[in-house]
Protein backbone atom coordinates (compact mmCIF):
# COMPACT_ATOMS: atom_id res chain seq x y z
CA MET A 1 0.00 0.00 0.00
CA SER A 2 1.38 3.39 -0.92
CA ASP A 3 2.05 6.02 1.70
CA GLU A 4 -0.49 8.40 0.15
CA ASN A 5 -3.34 5.95 0.98
CA LEU A 6 -2.41 5.62 4.68
CA PRO A 7 -4.37 8.71 5.96
CA ALA A 8 -7.58 7.47 4.32
CA VAL A 9 -7.19 4.00 5.85
CA LYS A 10 -6.55 5.41 9.33
CA ALA A 11 -9.60 7.66 9.08
CA GLU A 12 -11.78 4.68 8.09
CA GLU A 13 -10.46 2.62 11.03
CA GLU A 14 -11.12 5.44 13.50
CA HIS A 15 -14.67 5.91 12.14
CA SER A 16 -15.41 2.22 12.54
CA GLN A 17 -14.41 2.42 16.20
CA VAL A 18 -16.86 5.28 16.99
CA GLN A 19 -19.79 4.06 19.00
CA VAL A 20 -23.17 5.53 18.03
CA ALA A 21 -24.96 6.84 21.12
CA GLU A 22 -28.52 5.70 21.80
CA PRO A 23 -31.33 8.35 21.52
CA ILE A 24 -32.13 10.12 24.76
CA PRO A 25 -35.32 8.60 26.12
CA ASP A 26 -38.41 10.74 26.45
CA PRO A 27 -38.44 12.00 30.03
CA GLY A 28 -42.19 12.39 29.94
CA ILE A 29 -44.18 14.98 31.81
CA GLU A 30 -42.86 16.03 35.17
CA PRO A 31 -45.05 15.36 38.21
CA HIS A 32 -47.64 18.06 38.70
CA GLU A 33 -46.97 20.50 41.54
CA TYR A 34 -50.09 21.84 43.19
CA ARG A 35 -50.37 25.55 43.85
CA ILE A 36 -51.60 27.04 47.08
CA THR A 37 -54.83 28.02 45.34
CA ASP A 38 -55.37 24.37 44.31
CA ILE A 39 -55.37 23.10 47.86
CA ASP A 40 -56.59 26.11 49.86
CA PRO A 41 -60.09 27.40 48.95
CA LYS A 42 -59.50 30.56 50.97
CA ALA A 43 -56.40 31.38 48.92
CA ALA A 44 -58.38 30.78 45.72
CA ASP A 45 -61.15 33.08 46.93
CA ARG A 46 -58.56 35.73 47.83
CA VAL A 47 -57.07 35.60 44.31
CA GLU A 48 -60.55 35.73 42.83
CA ARG A 49 -61.23 38.94 44.74
CA GLN A 50 -57.91 40.39 43.56
CA VAL A 51 -58.65 39.63 39.92
CA SER A 52 -62.18 40.99 40.18
CA ALA A 53 -60.86 44.16 41.84
CA MET A 54 -58.37 44.67 38.99
CA PHE A 55 -61.09 44.29 36.38
CA THR A 56 -63.47 46.59 38.24
CA LEU A 57 -60.79 49.22 38.83
CA ALA A 58 -59.95 49.08 35.11
CA GLY A 59 -63.57 49.91 34.37
CA LEU A 60 -63.56 52.80 36.85
CA LEU A 61 -60.38 54.20 35.30
CA ALA A 62 -61.98 54.02 31.87
CA LEU A 63 -64.97 55.87 33.25
CA GLY A 64 -62.59 58.36 34.90
CA SER A 65 -60.99 59.13 31.54
CA CYS A 66 -64.43 60.14 30.24
CA VAL A 67 -64.98 62.39 33.25
CA ALA A 68 -61.54 63.96 32.80
CA TYR A 69 -62.32 64.65 29.14
CA PHE A 70 -65.17 66.95 30.13
CA ALA A 71 -64.00 68.17 33.56
CA ILE A 72 -60.40 69.24 32.86
CA PRO A 73 -60.05 72.44 30.79
CA ARG A 74 -58.43 71.91 27.41
CA ASP A 75 -55.85 74.63 28.02
CA SER A 76 -54.77 73.48 31.51
CA THR A 77 -51.16 72.34 31.97
CA LEU A 78 -49.36 69.93 34.31
CA VAL A 79 -45.76 70.78 35.21
CA PHE A 80 -43.19 68.25 36.48
CA GLY A 81 -39.97 70.15 36.97
CA PRO A 82 -38.58 70.93 33.51
CA LEU A 83 -41.33 68.86 31.87
CA SER A 84 -44.86 70.00 31.17
CA GLY A 85 -47.83 68.82 29.17
CA ASN A 86 -51.50 69.26 28.53
CA ALA A 87 -53.38 68.14 31.64
CA ASN A 88 -56.43 66.91 29.76
CA ASN A 89 -54.41 64.66 27.47
CA MET A 90 -52.14 63.39 30.23
CA VAL A 91 -54.95 62.40 32.61
CA ILE A 92 -56.95 60.71 29.86
CA GLY A 93 -53.89 58.81 28.64
CA LEU A 94 -52.92 57.79 32.18
CA CYS A 95 -56.41 56.51 32.98
CA ILE A 96 -56.73 54.50 29.77
CA GLY A 97 -53.17 53.15 30.08
CA LEU A 98 -53.72 51.98 33.67
CA ALA A 99 -57.08 50.45 32.70
CA LEU A 100 -55.45 48.37 29.97
CA PHE A 101 -52.62 47.38 32.33
CA LEU A 102 -55.04 46.21 35.03
CA LEU A 103 -57.06 44.19 32.55
CA GLY A 104 -53.89 42.46 31.39
CA ALA A 105 -52.55 41.96 34.91
CA GLY A 106 -55.88 40.57 36.07
CA ALA A 107 -56.02 38.13 33.17
CA ILE A 108 -52.46 36.93 33.96
CA GLN A 109 -53.21 36.51 37.66
CA TRP A 110 -56.37 34.60 36.80
CA ALA A 111 -54.52 32.27 34.43
CA LYS A 112 -51.56 31.64 36.74
CA LYS A 113 -53.41 31.15 40.02
CA LEU A 114 -56.88 29.86 39.22
CA MET A 115 -57.01 28.18 35.82
CA VAL A 116 -55.99 24.52 35.58
CA ASP A 117 -52.23 24.32 34.91
CA GLU A 118 -51.64 20.60 34.33
CA GLU A 119 -49.36 19.88 31.39
CA ILE A 120 -50.56 17.59 28.64
CA SER A 121 -48.95 16.08 25.55
CA GLU A 122 -50.55 15.28 22.23
CA ASP A 123 -49.23 13.43 19.21
CA ARG A 124 -49.06 15.22 15.88
CA HIS A 125 -52.06 14.67 13.68
CA PRO A 126 -52.90 15.40 10.04
CA ALA A 127 -53.68 18.99 9.09
CA HIS A 128 -57.33 18.21 8.37
CA SER A 129 -59.72 17.23 11.12
CA SER A 130 -62.15 14.34 11.05
CA PRO A 131 -65.67 14.69 12.47
CA GLU A 132 -64.52 12.79 15.52
CA GLN A 133 -61.62 15.19 16.03
CA ILE A 134 -63.90 18.18 15.64
CA ALA A 135 -66.15 16.71 18.31
CA ASP A 136 -63.11 16.15 20.54
CA ILE A 137 -61.96 19.75 20.00
CA THR A 138 -65.41 21.02 20.90
CA ASP A 139 -65.44 18.91 24.03
CA ALA A 140 -61.94 20.09 24.91
CA PHE A 141 -63.01 23.72 24.50
CA LYS A 142 -65.99 23.18 26.76
CA GLN A 143 -63.71 21.46 29.25
CA GLY A 144 -61.30 24.40 29.08
CA VAL A 145 -64.12 26.81 29.78
CA ALA A 146 -65.13 24.73 32.76
CA GLU A 147 -61.56 24.44 34.05
CA SER A 148 -60.96 28.18 33.70
CA GLY A 149 -63.65 28.75 36.27
CA PHE A 150 -65.29 31.37 34.07
CA THR A 151 -68.75 29.89 34.45
CA ARG A 152 -68.64 29.29 38.17
CA ARG A 153 -66.52 32.21 39.38
CA LYS A 154 -69.20 34.87 39.07
CA LEU A 155 -67.17 37.57 40.80
CA ILE A 156 -64.41 37.42 38.18
CA ARG A 157 -66.94 37.24 35.35
CA ARG A 158 -68.78 40.32 36.57
CA GLY A 159 -65.53 42.25 37.06
CA LEU A 160 -64.30 41.33 33.59
CA PHE A 161 -67.54 42.37 31.92
CA THR A 162 -67.53 45.63 33.88
CA GLY A 163 -63.94 46.45 32.93
CA LEU A 164 -64.32 45.57 29.26
CA GLY A 165 -67.69 47.25 28.98
CA LEU A 166 -66.56 50.54 30.48
CA LEU A 167 -63.32 50.47 28.49
CA GLY A 168 -65.38 51.16 25.37
CA LEU A 169 -66.65 54.45 26.74
CA PRO A 170 -63.42 56.45 26.19
CA ALA A 171 -63.39 55.42 22.54
CA ILE A 172 -66.91 56.77 22.14
CA VAL A 173 -66.22 59.97 24.07
CA LEU A 174 -62.99 60.69 22.20
CA LEU A 175 -64.91 60.63 18.92
CA ARG A 176 -65.97 64.14 19.95
CA ASP A 177 -62.43 65.31 19.12
CA LEU A 178 -63.14 64.63 15.47
CA GLY A 179 -65.03 67.92 15.51
CA PRO A 180 -68.50 69.23 16.22
CA LEU A 181 -71.47 67.55 14.63
CA PRO A 182 -72.24 69.25 11.33
CA GLY A 183 -75.93 69.69 12.10
CA ARG A 184 -77.32 72.13 9.56
CA SER A 185 -74.04 73.99 9.10
CA LEU A 186 -74.01 73.43 5.35
CA TYR A 187 -77.42 75.05 5.03
CA ASN A 188 -76.11 78.46 6.07
CA THR A 189 -73.13 80.63 5.14
CA ILE A 190 -72.14 84.16 6.21
CA TRP A 191 -73.53 85.57 2.97
CA ALA A 192 -76.50 87.86 3.64
CA LYS A 193 -78.35 90.74 2.07
CA GLY A 194 -76.07 93.71 1.35
CA ILE A 195 -72.75 91.86 1.90
CA ARG A 196 -70.21 93.05 -0.66
CA VAL A 197 -68.39 90.67 -2.98
CA VAL A 198 -64.61 91.09 -2.58
CA ASN A 199 -61.59 89.59 -4.32
CA ASP A 200 -60.42 86.65 -2.19
CA VAL A 201 -56.75 87.71 -2.48
CA THR A 202 -56.83 91.49 -2.16
CA ASP A 203 -60.13 91.83 -0.24
CA ARG A 204 -61.04 94.68 -2.59
CA PRO A 205 -64.74 95.06 -3.38
CA ILE A 206 -65.71 94.43 -6.99
CA LYS A 207 -67.55 96.78 -9.33
CA PRO A 208 -69.23 95.58 -12.54
CA SER A 209 -66.88 97.84 -14.49
CA ASP A 210 -63.90 95.95 -13.03
CA MET A 211 -64.82 92.78 -14.94
CA ILE A 212 -64.61 92.06 -18.65
CA VAL A 213 -66.53 89.43 -20.63
CA GLY A 214 -64.94 86.00 -20.20
CA GLN A 215 -63.26 86.86 -16.89
CA LEU A 216 -63.65 84.68 -13.79
CA VAL A 217 -62.74 85.98 -10.32
CA ASN A 218 -62.40 83.98 -7.11
CA ALA A 219 -64.26 85.95 -4.47
CA ALA A 220 -65.46 85.95 -0.86
CA PRO A 221 -67.89 87.90 1.34
CA ALA A 222 -66.61 91.19 2.79
CA ASN A 223 -67.54 90.09 6.33
CA LEU A 224 -65.13 87.14 6.19
CA ALA A 225 -61.82 88.97 6.84
CA PRO A 226 -62.77 90.37 10.30
CA LEU A 227 -63.35 86.81 11.55
CA GLN A 228 -59.68 85.93 11.09
CA GLU A 229 -58.60 87.80 14.22
CA GLU A 230 -61.80 87.32 16.20
CA SER A 231 -62.02 83.53 15.85
CA PRO A 232 -59.58 81.62 13.64
CA VAL A 233 -61.72 78.47 13.84
CA GLU A 234 -64.90 80.26 12.81
CA TYR A 235 -62.92 82.00 10.09
CA GLN A 236 -61.80 78.72 8.54
CA ASN A 237 -65.29 77.23 8.74
CA ALA A 238 -66.87 80.31 7.16
CA LYS A 239 -64.19 80.53 4.47
CA ALA A 240 -64.67 76.91 3.46
CA LYS A 241 -68.40 77.39 2.89
CA SER A 242 -68.63 80.92 1.52
CA ALA A 243 -66.06 80.82 -1.30
CA VAL A 244 -67.59 81.83 -4.65
CA ILE A 245 -66.66 82.40 -8.29
CA VAL A 246 -67.83 85.49 -10.17
CA VAL A 247 -67.95 85.32 -13.95
CA ARG A 248 -69.00 87.75 -16.70
CA ILE A 249 -70.77 86.35 -19.76
CA LYS A 250 -72.45 88.10 -22.66
CA PRO A 251 -76.12 88.51 -21.63
CA SER A 252 -77.23 87.13 -25.00
CA GLU A 253 -75.47 83.81 -24.23
CA ILE A 254 -77.02 83.30 -20.80
CA ARG A 255 -79.95 80.88 -20.41
CA THR A 256 -81.51 82.08 -17.18
CA PRO A 257 -83.40 79.47 -15.13
CA PRO A 258 -86.96 80.45 -14.19
CA GLY A 259 -87.13 82.66 -11.11
CA ARG A 260 -83.54 83.93 -11.45
CA GLU A 261 -84.14 86.68 -13.99
CA ASN A 262 -82.74 89.39 -11.68
CA TRP A 263 -79.93 87.37 -10.04
CA GLY A 264 -77.21 88.73 -12.33
CA VAL A 265 -75.84 92.20 -13.10
CA ASP A 266 -75.10 92.93 -16.78
CA GLY A 267 -74.06 89.33 -17.41
CA ILE A 268 -72.17 88.99 -14.12
CA LEU A 269 -73.15 85.79 -12.27
CA CYS A 270 -71.98 84.36 -8.96
CA TYR A 271 -71.86 80.68 -7.98
CA SER A 272 -70.54 78.63 -5.08
CA LYS A 273 -66.93 77.55 -5.59
CA ILE A 274 -67.56 74.20 -3.86
CA CYS A 275 -68.24 71.23 -6.13
CA THR A 276 -71.52 69.48 -5.37
CA HIS A 277 -69.88 66.07 -5.70
CA VAL A 278 -67.43 65.83 -2.76
CA GLY A 279 -66.66 69.49 -2.08
CA CYS A 280 -63.49 70.20 -4.05
CA PRO A 281 -62.81 73.86 -4.95
CA ILE A 282 -63.40 74.58 -8.63
CA SER A 283 -62.23 77.41 -10.89
CA LEU A 284 -60.92 75.83 -14.13
CA TYR A 285 -62.89 77.97 -16.55
CA GLU A 286 -63.24 77.70 -20.33
CA GLN A 287 -64.39 81.06 -21.70
CA THR A 288 -65.85 80.03 -25.04
CA THR A 289 -68.08 77.26 -23.68
CA HIS A 290 -68.69 78.87 -20.25
CA HIS A 291 -67.84 75.52 -18.66
CA VAL A 292 -66.12 75.25 -15.29
CA LEU A 293 -64.35 72.00 -14.38
CA CYS A 294 -63.74 70.38 -11.00
CA PRO A 295 -60.12 69.09 -10.96
CA CYS A 296 -60.87 66.23 -8.57
CA HIS A 297 -63.34 64.09 -10.53
CA GLN A 298 -63.97 66.17 -13.69
CA SER A 299 -67.50 67.24 -12.90
CA THR A 300 -68.32 69.98 -15.42
CA PHE A 301 -70.86 72.77 -14.98
CA ASP A 302 -72.32 75.19 -17.53
CA LEU A 303 -72.23 78.65 -15.91
CA ALA A 304 -74.31 80.15 -18.70
CA ASP A 305 -77.14 77.71 -17.97
CA GLY A 306 -77.63 77.91 -14.20
CA ALA A 307 -74.38 75.96 -13.59
CA LYS A 308 -76.14 72.71 -14.42
CA VAL A 309 -74.08 69.52 -14.58
CA ILE A 310 -73.13 68.48 -18.10
CA PHE A 311 -70.53 65.84 -17.23
CA GLY A 312 -69.15 63.91 -14.27
CA PRO A 313 -70.43 62.49 -10.98
CA ALA A 314 -71.87 65.70 -9.46
CA ALA A 315 -75.58 65.27 -8.75
CA ARG A 316 -76.82 68.87 -8.86
CA PRO A 317 -75.88 72.35 -10.19
CA LEU A 318 -73.66 74.76 -8.31
CA PRO A 319 -75.75 76.94 -5.97
CA GLN A 320 -76.13 80.48 -7.31
CA LEU A 321 -75.82 83.65 -5.21
CA PRO A 322 -78.22 86.46 -6.22
CA LEU A 323 -76.31 89.68 -7.02
CA ALA A 324 -77.18 93.37 -6.99
CA VAL A 325 -75.33 96.70 -6.94
CA ASP A 326 -75.24 98.94 -3.87
CA ALA A 327 -75.41 102.73 -3.76
CA GLU A 328 -71.65 103.03 -4.31
CA GLY A 329 -71.71 100.77 -7.37
CA TYR A 330 -70.20 97.65 -5.81
CA LEU A 331 -71.49 94.10 -6.24
CA VAL A 332 -73.43 92.87 -3.22
CA ALA A 333 -75.52 89.83 -2.39
CA GLN A 334 -79.28 90.17 -2.58
CA SER A 335 -79.49 87.43 0.07
CA GLY A 336 -77.66 84.35 1.21
CA PHE A 337 -77.66 81.14 -0.81
CA THR A 338 -81.16 79.79 -1.26
CA GLU A 339 -79.94 76.17 -1.06
CA PRO A 340 -77.18 74.31 0.80
CA VAL A 341 -73.66 74.60 -0.56
CA GLY A 342 -71.16 71.79 -0.85
CA PRO A 343 -71.51 68.04 -1.47
CA SER A 344 -74.93 66.52 -1.99
CA PHE A 345 -76.28 64.29 0.77
CA PHE A 346 -79.51 62.41 1.17
CA GLU A 347 -80.80 64.37 4.20
CA ARG A 348 -81.46 67.44 2.07
CA GLY A 349 -84.81 66.06 0.96
């Protein structure tokens, strides 16, 4: 045998001498150790009271967050040394956080001290279940419910239902932060009789002589600007609803809807700037056709024909604002809008 084959032979001899170890036997399930609550009914009752108290306190904290929402002023502040924060938000967050913690802690205490904790083993089975297995699973679930003590430990059950039930209240109350209910806000704007029409950029009032045929101006009511300093929130709400477009068309090309014969001034017409589909602002104007287009969903309105819809998903024409001229020759509103502005909705009737 050549020397170069010696290492391979030695390796084979060493491998043949290795003894293969036997598999480690299954140790099985360790003997069950009983807990104090398994052998002492008083200890079990004491834990039951603890768990119920956690659940009930969680419900009270959830209720407390609702009370704090209304009772603590929105502008109040809590100061902790160099740190500070809004008191309303901090108290609500603390109450809800503690409520969730107590629900979790109570559930863990219940599982560790009162539910059956005996270990079991089960052989693997096919992915699908036979009718017999389904029946076994159902029986096992019912047995688990019985062993958890949920049906017979009424104190825990009542506390859990109380905590979970009251925990839903903050979610309902906090919906109020989405804003005030709209009510009939879309039915009214700040337009009224005698309010001047002003350019929405310069706030300058508009005279008929300022406009030429084919021109479109984005405008607003003259009483909008003072609201900006008085109440910024009211200003934004009013601005969103009262925006208008003013357009001048040759009188011979206007098809006036019945009852609106005196709503224009020498071919000058005024319509709401808010699309009646979903409320997008519109001002894309085509002079020769007198069509104005909404950029969001391409609803198209004919301003020379009462702003009726000629294309797109909008369900009704743009509301028209009746115009007149005051003693100084400026365009003013004859009245407010005679119909709601903005998107269509079924409550309008």
